[in-house]
């Protein structure tokens, strides 16, 4: 199987209540989105169109954004469909729409809760992500579709039986590949994650994540925003700055290519050009 390169991109975002009069229009945002992806289309096999959790921002439907990329750039694009934002009928209708327009891949995600202050409802008709994947897989079969399903996994939980069972349940429900987070920060983390995935027999079903960190202050931000925790060795590396961090991430990518992994999943943090720094 070829090494699969999945690059995350953000769809056009539009503020509900723009505060500055200089905010650019939707048409310009859409063109910028397409051109940013065009600039890196040689680096990816699949562009993952992310769902952004910010109740102050409207996003172009991820299915529509993926369709746009496939039509205009002839690339494969996978929309992220979030269970949190849809009741069961709407969720399955969105999956069916993606299948019907011929999308090669899509990702089914649970989605973090909106805080009470956001004023938005966490819908979630399903009791678990595996249940929603199972229903989506049933629709795929009945529609005679071949769309590949991605699902998220917490690589940090693979050291215990509960985490392994959770990951396996998503694969058994119909997910074809699991996209891991937290990210694989360095070679030491890769060694540990490789051991756990080989022990569980899931190495060929998981795409590990590479995430472009900037410096030690950025690590503080990611700990607060995502809840990740970083070892002292990585904090020491971050003191050397972004260049040192990018070099370590490139080393992780080289190892993923050479050590039998099925691919990788690259976060761009809304800056697609960072993918060229990592992958070219």
C-alpha atoms as a PDB file:
ATOM      1  CA  UNK A   1       0.000   0.000   0.000  1.00  0.00           C
ATOM      2  CA  UNK A   2       1.291   3.462  -0.914  1.00  0.00           C
ATOM      3  CA  UNK A   3       2.247   5.877   1.855  1.00  0.00           C
ATOM      4  CA  UNK A   4      -0.834   8.080   2.380  1.00  0.00           C
ATOM      5  CA  UNK A   5      -0.259  11.791   3.015  1.00  0.00           C
ATOM      6  CA  UNK A   6      -3.231  13.540   4.620  1.00  0.00           C
ATOM      7  CA  UNK A   7      -2.976  17.316   5.057  1.00  0.00           C
ATOM      8  CA  UNK A   8      -5.496  19.253   7.131  1.00  0.00           C
ATOM      9  CA  UNK A   9      -6.838  22.545   5.753  1.00  0.00           C
ATOM     10  CA  UNK A  10      -9.469  24.935   7.084  1.00  0.00           C
ATOM     11  CA  UNK A  11     -12.539  25.803   4.972  1.00  0.00           C
ATOM     12  CA  UNK A  12     -13.457  29.443   4.343  1.00  0.00           C
ATOM     13  CA  UNK A  13     -14.545  31.037   7.633  1.00  0.00           C
ATOM     14  CA  UNK A  14     -16.861  34.005   7.981  1.00  0.00           C
ATOM     15  CA  UNK A  15     -17.612  35.955  11.187  1.00  0.00           C
ATOM     16  CA  UNK A  16     -21.204  36.041  12.364  1.00  0.00           C
ATOM     17  CA  UNK A  17     -20.761  39.632  13.547  1.00  0.00           C
ATOM     18  CA  UNK A  18     -17.672  41.162  11.906  1.00  0.00           C
ATOM     19  CA  UNK A  19     -16.064  43.774  14.119  1.00  0.00           C
ATOM     20  CA  UNK A  20     -13.826  45.399  11.516  1.00  0.00           C
ATOM     21  CA  UNK A  21     -15.149  46.920   8.332  1.00  0.00           C
ATOM     22  CA  UNK A  22     -12.099  45.684   6.449  1.00  0.00           C
ATOM     23  CA  UNK A  23     -13.074  42.029   6.684  1.00  0.00           C
ATOM     24  CA  UNK A  24     -12.825  40.463   3.219  1.00  0.00           C
ATOM     25  CA  UNK A  25     -15.864  38.960   1.551  1.00  0.00           C
ATOM     26  CA  UNK A  26     -16.804  35.325   1.198  1.00  0.00           C
ATOM     27  CA  UNK A  27     -15.891  35.137  -2.489  1.00  0.00           C
ATOM     28  CA  UNK A  28     -12.369  36.368  -1.772  1.00  0.00           C
ATOM     29  CA  UNK A  29     -12.035  33.997   1.198  1.00  0.00           C
ATOM     30  CA  UNK A  30     -13.142  31.105  -1.004  1.00  0.00           C
ATOM     31  CA  UNK A  31     -10.650  31.969  -3.740  1.00  0.00           C
ATOM     32  CA  UNK A  32      -7.867  32.270  -1.163  1.00  0.00           C
ATOM     33  CA  UNK A  33      -8.783  28.834   0.209  1.00  0.00           C
ATOM     34  CA  UNK A  34      -8.615  27.241  -3.238  1.00  0.00           C
ATOM     35  CA  UNK A  35      -5.317  28.929  -4.120  1.00  0.00           C
ATOM     36  CA  UNK A  36      -3.689  27.953  -0.819  1.00  0.00           C
ATOM     37  CA  UNK A  37      -4.553  24.315  -1.456  1.00  0.00           C
ATOM     38  CA  UNK A  38      -3.414  24.619  -5.079  1.00  0.00           C
ATOM     39  CA  UNK A  39       0.015  25.737  -3.842  1.00  0.00           C
ATOM     40  CA  UNK A  40       0.558  22.434  -1.975  1.00  0.00           C
ATOM     41  CA  UNK A  41      -1.520  19.976  -3.984  1.00  0.00           C
ATOM     42  CA  UNK A  42       1.590  18.039  -5.013  1.00  0.00           C
ATOM     43  CA  UNK A  43       2.315  17.217  -1.352  1.00  0.00           C
ATOM     44  CA  UNK A  44      -0.948  15.492  -0.382  1.00  0.00           C
ATOM     45  CA  UNK A  45      -2.934  12.448  -1.358  1.00  0.00           C
ATOM     46  CA  UNK A  46      -5.947  13.657   0.643  1.00  0.00           C
ATOM     47  CA  UNK A  47      -6.838  17.125   1.913  1.00  0.00           C
ATOM     48  CA  UNK A  48      -8.793  16.894   5.154  1.00  0.00           C
ATOM     49  CA  UNK A  49     -11.244  19.810   5.366  1.00  0.00           C
ATOM     50  CA  UNK A  50     -11.413  20.526   9.087  1.00  0.00           C
ATOM     51  CA  UNK A  51     -14.438  21.512  11.133  1.00  0.00           C
ATOM     52  CA  UNK A  52     -13.591  24.554  13.245  1.00  0.00           C
ATOM     53  CA  UNK A  53     -15.218  24.798  16.684  1.00  0.00           C
ATOM     54  CA  UNK A  54     -15.846  28.504  17.097  1.00  0.00           C
ATOM     55  CA  UNK A  55     -19.439  29.677  17.554  1.00  0.00           C
ATOM     56  CA  UNK A  56     -18.376  33.179  16.466  1.00  0.00           C
ATOM     57  CA  UNK A  57     -17.462  31.890  13.019  1.00  0.00           C
ATOM     58  CA  UNK A  58     -19.561  30.454  10.241  1.00  0.00           C
ATOM     59  CA  UNK A  59     -17.777  27.959   7.996  1.00  0.00           C
ATOM     60  CA  UNK A  60     -18.509  26.867   4.506  1.00  0.00           C
ATOM     61  CA  UNK A  61     -19.946  23.359   4.721  1.00  0.00           C
ATOM     62  CA  UNK A  62     -17.012  20.962   4.822  1.00  0.00           C
ATOM     63  CA  UNK A  63     -18.757  18.740   2.270  1.00  0.00           C
ATOM     64  CA  UNK A  64     -19.190  21.711  -0.083  1.00  0.00           C
ATOM     65  CA  UNK A  65     -15.583  22.831   0.493  1.00  0.00           C
ATOM     66  CA  UNK A  66     -14.337  19.307  -0.270  1.00  0.00           C
ATOM     67  CA  UNK A  67     -16.484  19.118  -3.410  1.00  0.00           C
ATOM     68  CA  UNK A  68     -15.103  22.486  -4.516  1.00  0.00           C
ATOM     69  CA  UNK A  69     -11.507  21.324  -4.139  1.00  0.00           C
ATOM     70  CA  UNK A  70     -12.147  18.094  -6.013  1.00  0.00           C
ATOM     71  CA  UNK A  71     -13.948  19.895  -8.847  1.00  0.00           C
ATOM     72  CA  UNK A  72     -11.573  22.828  -9.257  1.00  0.00           C
ATOM     73  CA  UNK A  73      -8.213  21.254  -8.421  1.00  0.00           C
ATOM     74  CA  UNK A  74      -8.751  17.549  -9.194  1.00  0.00           C
ATOM     75  CA  UNK A  75      -7.506  16.557  -5.752  1.00  0.00           C
ATOM     76  CA  UNK A  76      -9.039  14.177  -3.230  1.00  0.00           C
ATOM     77  CA  UNK A  77     -10.628  16.041  -0.330  1.00  0.00           C
ATOM     78  CA  UNK A  78     -12.254  14.625   2.783  1.00  0.00           C
ATOM     79  CA  UNK A  79     -14.774  16.640   4.811  1.00  0.00           C
ATOM     80  CA  UNK A  80     -14.836  16.303   8.589  1.00  0.00           C
ATOM     81  CA  UNK A  81     -18.419  15.569   9.690  1.00  0.00           C
ATOM     82  CA  UNK A  82     -18.950  16.278  13.381  1.00  0.00           C
ATOM     83  CA  UNK A  83     -21.565  14.329  15.343  1.00  0.00           C
ATOM     84  CA  UNK A  84     -21.842  17.166  17.867  1.00  0.00           C
ATOM     85  CA  UNK A  85     -23.463  19.469  15.307  1.00  0.00           C
ATOM     86  CA  UNK A  86     -26.083  17.174  13.745  1.00  0.00           C
ATOM     87  CA  UNK A  87     -29.033  15.092  14.785  1.00  0.00           C
ATOM     88  CA  UNK A  88     -29.086  11.523  13.485  1.00  0.00           C
ATOM     89  CA  UNK A  89     -31.112  12.202  10.330  1.00  0.00           C
ATOM     90  CA  UNK A  90     -29.029  15.215   9.348  1.00  0.00           C
ATOM     91  CA  UNK A  91     -25.763  13.398  10.074  1.00  0.00           C
ATOM     92  CA  UNK A  92     -26.700  10.456   7.867  1.00  0.00           C
ATOM     93  CA  UNK A  93     -28.019  12.783   5.160  1.00  0.00           C
ATOM     94  CA  UNK A  94     -24.667  14.576   5.143  1.00  0.00           C
ATOM     95  CA  UNK A  95     -22.826  11.255   4.841  1.00  0.00           C
ATOM     96  CA  UNK A  96     -25.152  10.208   2.005  1.00  0.00           C
ATOM     97  CA  UNK A  97     -24.544  13.534   0.248  1.00  0.00           C
ATOM     98  CA  UNK A  98     -20.782  13.014   0.412  1.00  0.00           C
ATOM     99  CA  UNK A  99     -21.129   9.518  -1.010  1.00  0.00           C
ATOM    100  CA  UNK A 100     -23.531  10.635  -3.747  1.00  0.00           C
ATOM    101  CA  UNK A 101     -21.208  13.339  -5.085  1.00  0.00           C
ATOM    102  CA  UNK A 102     -18.348  10.851  -5.210  1.00  0.00           C
ATOM    103  CA  UNK A 103     -16.088  12.016  -2.397  1.00  0.00           C
ATOM    104  CA  UNK A 104     -13.309   9.479  -1.976  1.00  0.00           C
ATOM    105  CA  UNK A 105     -12.955   9.986   1.775  1.00  0.00           C
ATOM    106  CA  UNK A 106     -14.605  11.612   4.763  1.00  0.00           C
ATOM    107  CA  UNK A 107     -13.845  11.801   8.464  1.00  0.00           C
ATOM    108  CA  UNK A 108     -16.422  11.178  11.180  1.00  0.00           C
ATOM    109  CA  UNK A 109     -15.577  12.934  14.450  1.00  0.00           C
ATOM    110  CA  UNK A 110     -17.274  13.338  17.813  1.00  0.00           C
ATOM    111  CA  UNK A 111     -16.395  16.997  18.414  1.00  0.00           C
ATOM    112  CA  UNK A 112     -15.528  18.787  21.646  1.00  0.00           C
ATOM    113  CA  UNK A 113     -18.407  20.265  23.612  1.00  0.00           C
ATOM    114  CA  UNK A 114     -19.394  23.868  23.095  1.00  0.00           C
ATOM    115  CA  UNK A 115     -19.070  25.764  26.373  1.00  0.00           C
ATOM    116  CA  UNK A 116     -22.325  26.988  27.931  1.00  0.00           C
ATOM    117  CA  UNK A 117     -21.308  30.567  27.120  1.00  0.00           C
ATOM    118  CA  UNK A 118     -21.263  29.815  23.393  1.00  0.00           C
ATOM    119  CA  UNK A 119     -25.043  29.677  23.101  1.00  0.00           C
ATOM    120  CA  UNK A 120     -24.885  26.663  20.763  1.00  0.00           C
ATOM    121  CA  UNK A 121     -26.345  23.227  21.421  1.00  0.00           C
ATOM    122  CA  UNK A 122     -24.295  20.035  21.497  1.00  0.00           C
ATOM    123  CA  UNK A 123     -26.709  17.835  19.530  1.00  0.00           C
ATOM    124  CA  UNK A 124     -25.270  14.324  19.641  1.00  0.00           C
ATOM    125  CA  UNK A 125     -28.118  11.919  18.987  1.00  0.00           C
ATOM    126  CA  UNK A 126     -25.583   9.093  19.278  1.00  0.00           C
ATOM    127  CA  UNK A 127     -24.264   7.527  22.465  1.00  0.00           C
ATOM    128  CA  UNK A 128     -20.790   6.979  20.997  1.00  0.00           C
ATOM    129  CA  UNK A 129     -18.708   7.743  17.935  1.00  0.00           C
ATOM    130  CA  UNK A 130     -18.582   4.043  17.061  1.00  0.00           C
ATOM    131  CA  UNK A 131     -22.381   3.982  16.854  1.00  0.00           C
ATOM    132  CA  UNK A 132     -22.402   6.865  14.375  1.00  0.00           C
ATOM    133  CA  UNK A 133     -19.645   5.220  12.287  1.00  0.00           C
ATOM    134  CA  UNK A 134     -21.655   1.989  12.216  1.00  0.00           C
ATOM    135  CA  UNK A 135     -24.730   3.804  10.879  1.00  0.00           C
ATOM    136  CA  UNK A 136     -22.627   5.664   8.313  1.00  0.00           C
ATOM    137  CA  UNK A 137     -21.042   2.385   7.218  1.00  0.00           C
ATOM    138  CA  UNK A 138     -24.499   0.885   6.761  1.00  0.00           C
ATOM    139  CA  UNK A 139     -25.490   3.811   4.538  1.00  0.00           C
ATOM    140  CA  UNK A 140     -22.256   3.369   2.555  1.00  0.00           C
ATOM    141  CA  UNK A 141     -23.015  -0.304   1.972  1.00  0.00           C
ATOM    142  CA  UNK A 142     -26.642   0.263   0.996  1.00  0.00           C
ATOM    143  CA  UNK A 143     -25.643   3.098  -1.348  1.00  0.00           C
ATOM    144  CA  UNK A 144     -22.964   0.842  -2.868  1.00  0.00           C
ATOM    145  CA  UNK A 145     -20.396   3.506  -2.132  1.00  0.00           C
ATOM    146  CA  UNK A 146     -16.657   3.116  -1.737  1.00  0.00           C
ATOM    147  CA  UNK A 147     -15.928   6.242   0.312  1.00  0.00           C
ATOM    148  CA  UNK A 148     -13.111   5.717   2.809  1.00  0.00           C
ATOM    149  CA  UNK A 149     -13.943   6.618   6.412  1.00  0.00           C
ATOM    150  CA  UNK A 150     -11.410   8.195   8.740  1.00  0.00           C
ATOM    151  CA  UNK A 151     -12.030   8.432  12.487  1.00  0.00           C
ATOM    152  CA  UNK A 152     -10.009  10.022  15.304  1.00  0.00           C
ATOM    153  CA  UNK A 153      -8.166   8.153  18.034  1.00  0.00           C
ATOM    154  CA  UNK A 154      -6.337   9.163  21.200  1.00  0.00           C
ATOM    155  CA  UNK A 155      -2.857   7.678  20.821  1.00  0.00           C
ATOM    156  CA  UNK A 156      -2.187   8.523  24.471  1.00  0.00           C
ATOM    157  CA  UNK A 157      -4.751   5.921  25.550  1.00  0.00           C
ATOM    158  CA  UNK A 158      -3.162   3.054  23.635  1.00  0.00           C
ATOM    159  CA  UNK A 159      -1.170   2.071  26.704  1.00  0.00           C
ATOM    160  CA  UNK A 160      -4.266   0.686  28.421  1.00  0.00           C
ATOM    161  CA  UNK A 161      -6.948  -1.848  27.536  1.00  0.00           C
ATOM    162  CA  UNK A 162      -9.763   0.724  27.455  1.00  0.00           C
ATOM    163  CA  UNK A 163      -7.981   2.848  24.860  1.00  0.00           C
ATOM    164  CA  UNK A 164      -7.217  -0.164  22.682  1.00  0.00           C
ATOM    165  CA  UNK A 165     -10.835  -1.349  22.889  1.00  0.00           C
ATOM    166  CA  UNK A 166     -12.089   2.107  21.905  1.00  0.00           C
ATOM    167  CA  UNK A 167      -9.831   2.264  18.854  1.00  0.00           C
ATOM    168  CA  UNK A 168     -10.765  -1.274  17.790  1.00  0.00           C
ATOM    169  CA  UNK A 169     -14.473  -0.523  18.169  1.00  0.00           C
ATOM    170  CA  UNK A 170     -14.173   2.318  15.646  1.00  0.00           C
ATOM    171  CA  UNK A 171     -12.418   0.078  13.146  1.00  0.00           C
ATOM    172  CA  UNK A 172     -14.967  -2.711  13.666  1.00  0.00           C
ATOM    173  CA  UNK A 173     -17.795  -0.176  13.182  1.00  0.00           C
ATOM    174  CA  UNK A 174     -16.484   0.642   9.707  1.00  0.00           C
ATOM    175  CA  UNK A 175     -13.654   3.164   9.975  1.00  0.00           C
ATOM    176  CA  UNK A 176     -10.906   2.355   7.468  1.00  0.00           C
ATOM    177  CA  UNK A 177      -8.125   4.371   9.103  1.00  0.00           C
ATOM    178  CA  UNK A 178      -7.679   6.148  12.430  1.00  0.00           C
ATOM    179  CA  UNK A 179      -6.108   9.606  12.644  1.00  0.00           C
ATOM    180  CA  UNK A 180      -4.138   9.960  15.856  1.00  0.00           C
ATOM    181  CA  UNK A 181      -3.740  12.767  18.339  1.00  0.00           C
ATOM    182  CA  UNK A 182      -2.007  14.079  20.392  1.00  0.00           C
ATOM    183  CA  UNK A 183       0.742  14.589  17.812  1.00  0.00           C
ATOM    184  CA  UNK A 184       3.938  12.576  17.585  1.00  0.00           C
ATOM    185  CA  UNK A 185       6.301  15.239  18.876  1.00  0.00           C
ATOM    186  CA  UNK A 186       9.705  13.553  18.483  1.00  0.00           C
ATOM    187  CA  UNK A 187      11.544  10.286  17.930  1.00  0.00           C
ATOM    188  CA  UNK A 188      11.181   9.211  21.557  1.00  0.00           C
ATOM    189  CA  UNK A 189       7.400   9.614  21.323  1.00  0.00           C
ATOM    190  CA  UNK A 190       7.431   7.710  18.025  1.00  0.00           C
ATOM    191  CA  UNK A 191       9.325   4.820  19.631  1.00  0.00           C
ATOM    192  CA  UNK A 192       6.699   4.511  22.364  1.00  0.00           C
ATOM    193  CA  UNK A 193       3.730   4.863  20.006  1.00  0.00           C
ATOM    194  CA  UNK A 194       5.184   2.336  17.561  1.00  0.00           C
ATOM    195  CA  UNK A 195       5.595  -0.222  20.341  1.00  0.00           C
ATOM    196  CA  UNK A 196       2.007   0.218  21.494  1.00  0.00           C
ATOM    197  CA  UNK A 197       0.562   0.040  17.985  1.00  0.00           C
ATOM    198  CA  UNK A 198       2.559  -3.064  17.110  1.00  0.00           C
ATOM    199  CA  UNK A 199       1.468  -4.723  20.343  1.00  0.00           C
ATOM    200  CA  UNK A 200      -2.180  -3.974  19.569  1.00  0.00           C
ATOM    201  CA  UNK A 201      -1.886  -5.072  15.927  1.00  0.00           C
ATOM    202  CA  UNK A 202      -3.160  -1.723  14.662  1.00  0.00           C
ATOM    203  CA  UNK A 203      -0.010  -0.153  13.220  1.00  0.00           C
ATOM    204  CA  UNK A 204      -1.275  -0.546   9.645  1.00  0.00           C
ATOM    205  CA  UNK A 205      -4.558   1.191  10.543  1.00  0.00           C
ATOM    206  CA  UNK A 206      -3.252   4.387  12.160  1.00  0.00           C
ATOM    207  CA  UNK A 207      -1.946   7.640  10.702  1.00  0.00           C
ATOM    208  CA  UNK A 208       0.180   9.413  13.287  1.00  0.00           C
ATOM    209  CA  UNK A 209      -0.012  13.192  13.451  1.00  0.00           C
ATOM    210  CA  UNK A 210       2.709  15.778  12.814  1.00  0.00           C
ATOM    211  CA  UNK A 211       1.950  19.202  14.263  1.00  0.00           C
ATOM    212  CA  UNK A 212       4.016  22.368  13.577  1.00  0.00           C
ATOM    213  CA  UNK A 213       4.982  23.861  16.934  1.00  0.00           C
ATOM    214  CA  UNK A 214       6.644  27.274  17.066  1.00  0.00           C
ATOM    215  CA  UNK A 215       8.393  27.773  20.405  1.00  0.00           C
ATOM    216  CA  UNK A 216       8.041  27.268  24.158  1.00  0.00           C
ATOM    217  CA  UNK A 217       5.206  29.812  24.396  1.00  0.00           C
ATOM    218  CA  UNK A 218       3.340  27.870  21.732  1.00  0.00           C
ATOM    219  CA  UNK A 219       3.664  24.738  23.848  1.00  0.00           C
ATOM    220  CA  UNK A 220       2.054  26.624  26.734  1.00  0.00           C
ATOM    221  CA  UNK A 221      -0.798  27.653  24.444  1.00  0.00           C
ATOM    222  CA  UNK A 222      -1.328  24.080  23.178  1.00  0.00           C
ATOM    223  CA  UNK A 223      -1.332  22.711  26.724  1.00  0.00           C
ATOM    224  CA  UNK A 224      -4.045  25.196  27.671  1.00  0.00           C
ATOM    225  CA  UNK A 225      -6.132  24.958  24.500  1.00  0.00           C
ATOM    226  CA  UNK A 226      -5.836  21.233  23.670  1.00  0.00           C
ATOM    227  CA  UNK A 227      -4.998  19.786  27.072  1.00  0.00           C
ATOM    228  CA  UNK A 228      -1.781  18.186  25.810  1.00  0.00           C
ATOM    229  CA  UNK A 229       1.235  17.689  28.087  1.00  0.00           C
ATOM    230  CA  UNK A 230       4.838  17.904  26.917  1.00  0.00           C
ATOM    231  CA  UNK A 231       7.896  16.237  28.478  1.00  0.00           C
ATOM    232  CA  UNK A 232      10.861  18.312  29.583  1.00  0.00           C
ATOM    233  CA  UNK A 233      13.017  17.038  26.727  1.00  0.00           C
ATOM    234  CA  UNK A 234      10.601  18.582  24.224  1.00  0.00           C
ATOM    235  CA  UNK A 235      10.398  21.825  26.170  1.00  0.00           C
ATOM    236  CA  UNK A 236      14.193  21.988  26.078  1.00  0.00           C
ATOM    237  CA  UNK A 237      14.067  21.552  22.293  1.00  0.00           C
ATOM    238  CA  UNK A 238      11.430  24.287  22.006  1.00  0.00           C
ATOM    239  CA  UNK A 239      13.837  26.720  23.659  1.00  0.00           C
ATOM    240  CA  UNK A 240      15.973  26.434  20.524  1.00  0.00           C
ATOM    241  CA  UNK A 241      13.088  27.804  18.436  1.00  0.00           C
ATOM    242  CA  UNK A 242      10.913  26.893  15.489  1.00  0.00           C
ATOM    243  CA  UNK A 243      13.720  25.676  13.230  1.00  0.00           C
ATOM    244  CA  UNK A 244      14.795  23.019  15.740  1.00  0.00           C
ATOM    245  CA  UNK A 245      11.190  21.901  16.202  1.00  0.00           C
ATOM    246  CA  UNK A 246      10.616  21.629  12.440  1.00  0.00           C
ATOM    247  CA  UNK A 247      13.813  19.587  12.031  1.00  0.00           C
ATOM    248  CA  UNK A 248      12.600  17.111  14.660  1.00  0.00           C
ATOM    249  CA  UNK A 249       9.215  16.865  12.942  1.00  0.00           C
ATOM    250  CA  UNK A 250      10.935  16.188   9.599  1.00  0.00           C
ATOM    251  CA  UNK A 251      12.878  13.401  11.271  1.00  0.00           C
ATOM    252  CA  UNK A 252       9.611  11.887  12.524  1.00  0.00           C
ATOM    253  CA  UNK A 253       8.207  12.041   8.978  1.00  0.00           C
ATOM    254  CA  UNK A 254      11.281  10.284   7.549  1.00  0.00           C
ATOM    255  CA  UNK A 255      10.910   7.513  10.102  1.00  0.00           C
ATOM    256  CA  UNK A 256       7.194   7.100   9.394  1.00  0.00           C
ATOM    257  CA  UNK A 257       8.019   6.613   5.705  1.00  0.00           C
ATOM    258  CA  UNK A 258      10.800   4.132   6.408  1.00  0.00           C
ATOM    259  CA  UNK A 259       9.309   2.088   9.249  1.00  0.00           C
ATOM    260  CA  UNK A 260       6.207   0.578   7.706  1.00  0.00           C
ATOM    261  CA  UNK A 261       3.499   3.068   8.648  1.00  0.00           C
ATOM    262  CA  UNK A 262       0.571   3.452   6.223  1.00  0.00           C
ATOM    263  CA  UNK A 263       0.935   7.222   6.072  1.00  0.00           C
ATOM    264  CA  UNK A 264       0.767  10.378   8.154  1.00  0.00           C
ATOM    265  CA  UNK A 265      -1.605  13.172   9.035  1.00  0.00           C
ATOM    266  CA  UNK A 266      -0.225  16.733   8.959  1.00  0.00           C
ATOM    267  CA  UNK A 267      -1.879  19.597  10.828  1.00  0.00           C
ATOM    268  CA  UNK A 268      -1.323  23.021   9.258  1.00  0.00           C
ATOM    269  CA  UNK A 269      -3.023  25.190  11.909  1.00  0.00           C
ATOM    270  CA  UNK A 270      -4.679  27.226   9.185  1.00  0.00           C
ATOM    271  CA  UNK A 271      -1.392  27.871   7.330  1.00  0.00           C
ATOM    272  CA  UNK A 272      -1.198  25.364   4.466  1.00  0.00           C
ATOM    273  CA  UNK A 273       2.258  26.585   3.393  1.00  0.00           C
ATOM    274  CA  UNK A 274       3.738  24.968   6.515  1.00  0.00           C
ATOM    275  CA  UNK A 275       3.158  21.602   4.832  1.00  0.00           C
ATOM    276  CA  UNK A 276       5.856  22.434   2.263  1.00  0.00           C
ATOM    277  CA  UNK A 277       8.339  23.134   5.050  1.00  0.00           C
ATOM    278  CA  UNK A 278       7.629  19.697   6.483  1.00  0.00           C
ATOM    279  CA  UNK A 279       7.104  17.489   3.441  1.00  0.00           C
ATOM    280  CA  UNK A 280       9.087  18.857   0.505  1.00  0.00           C
END
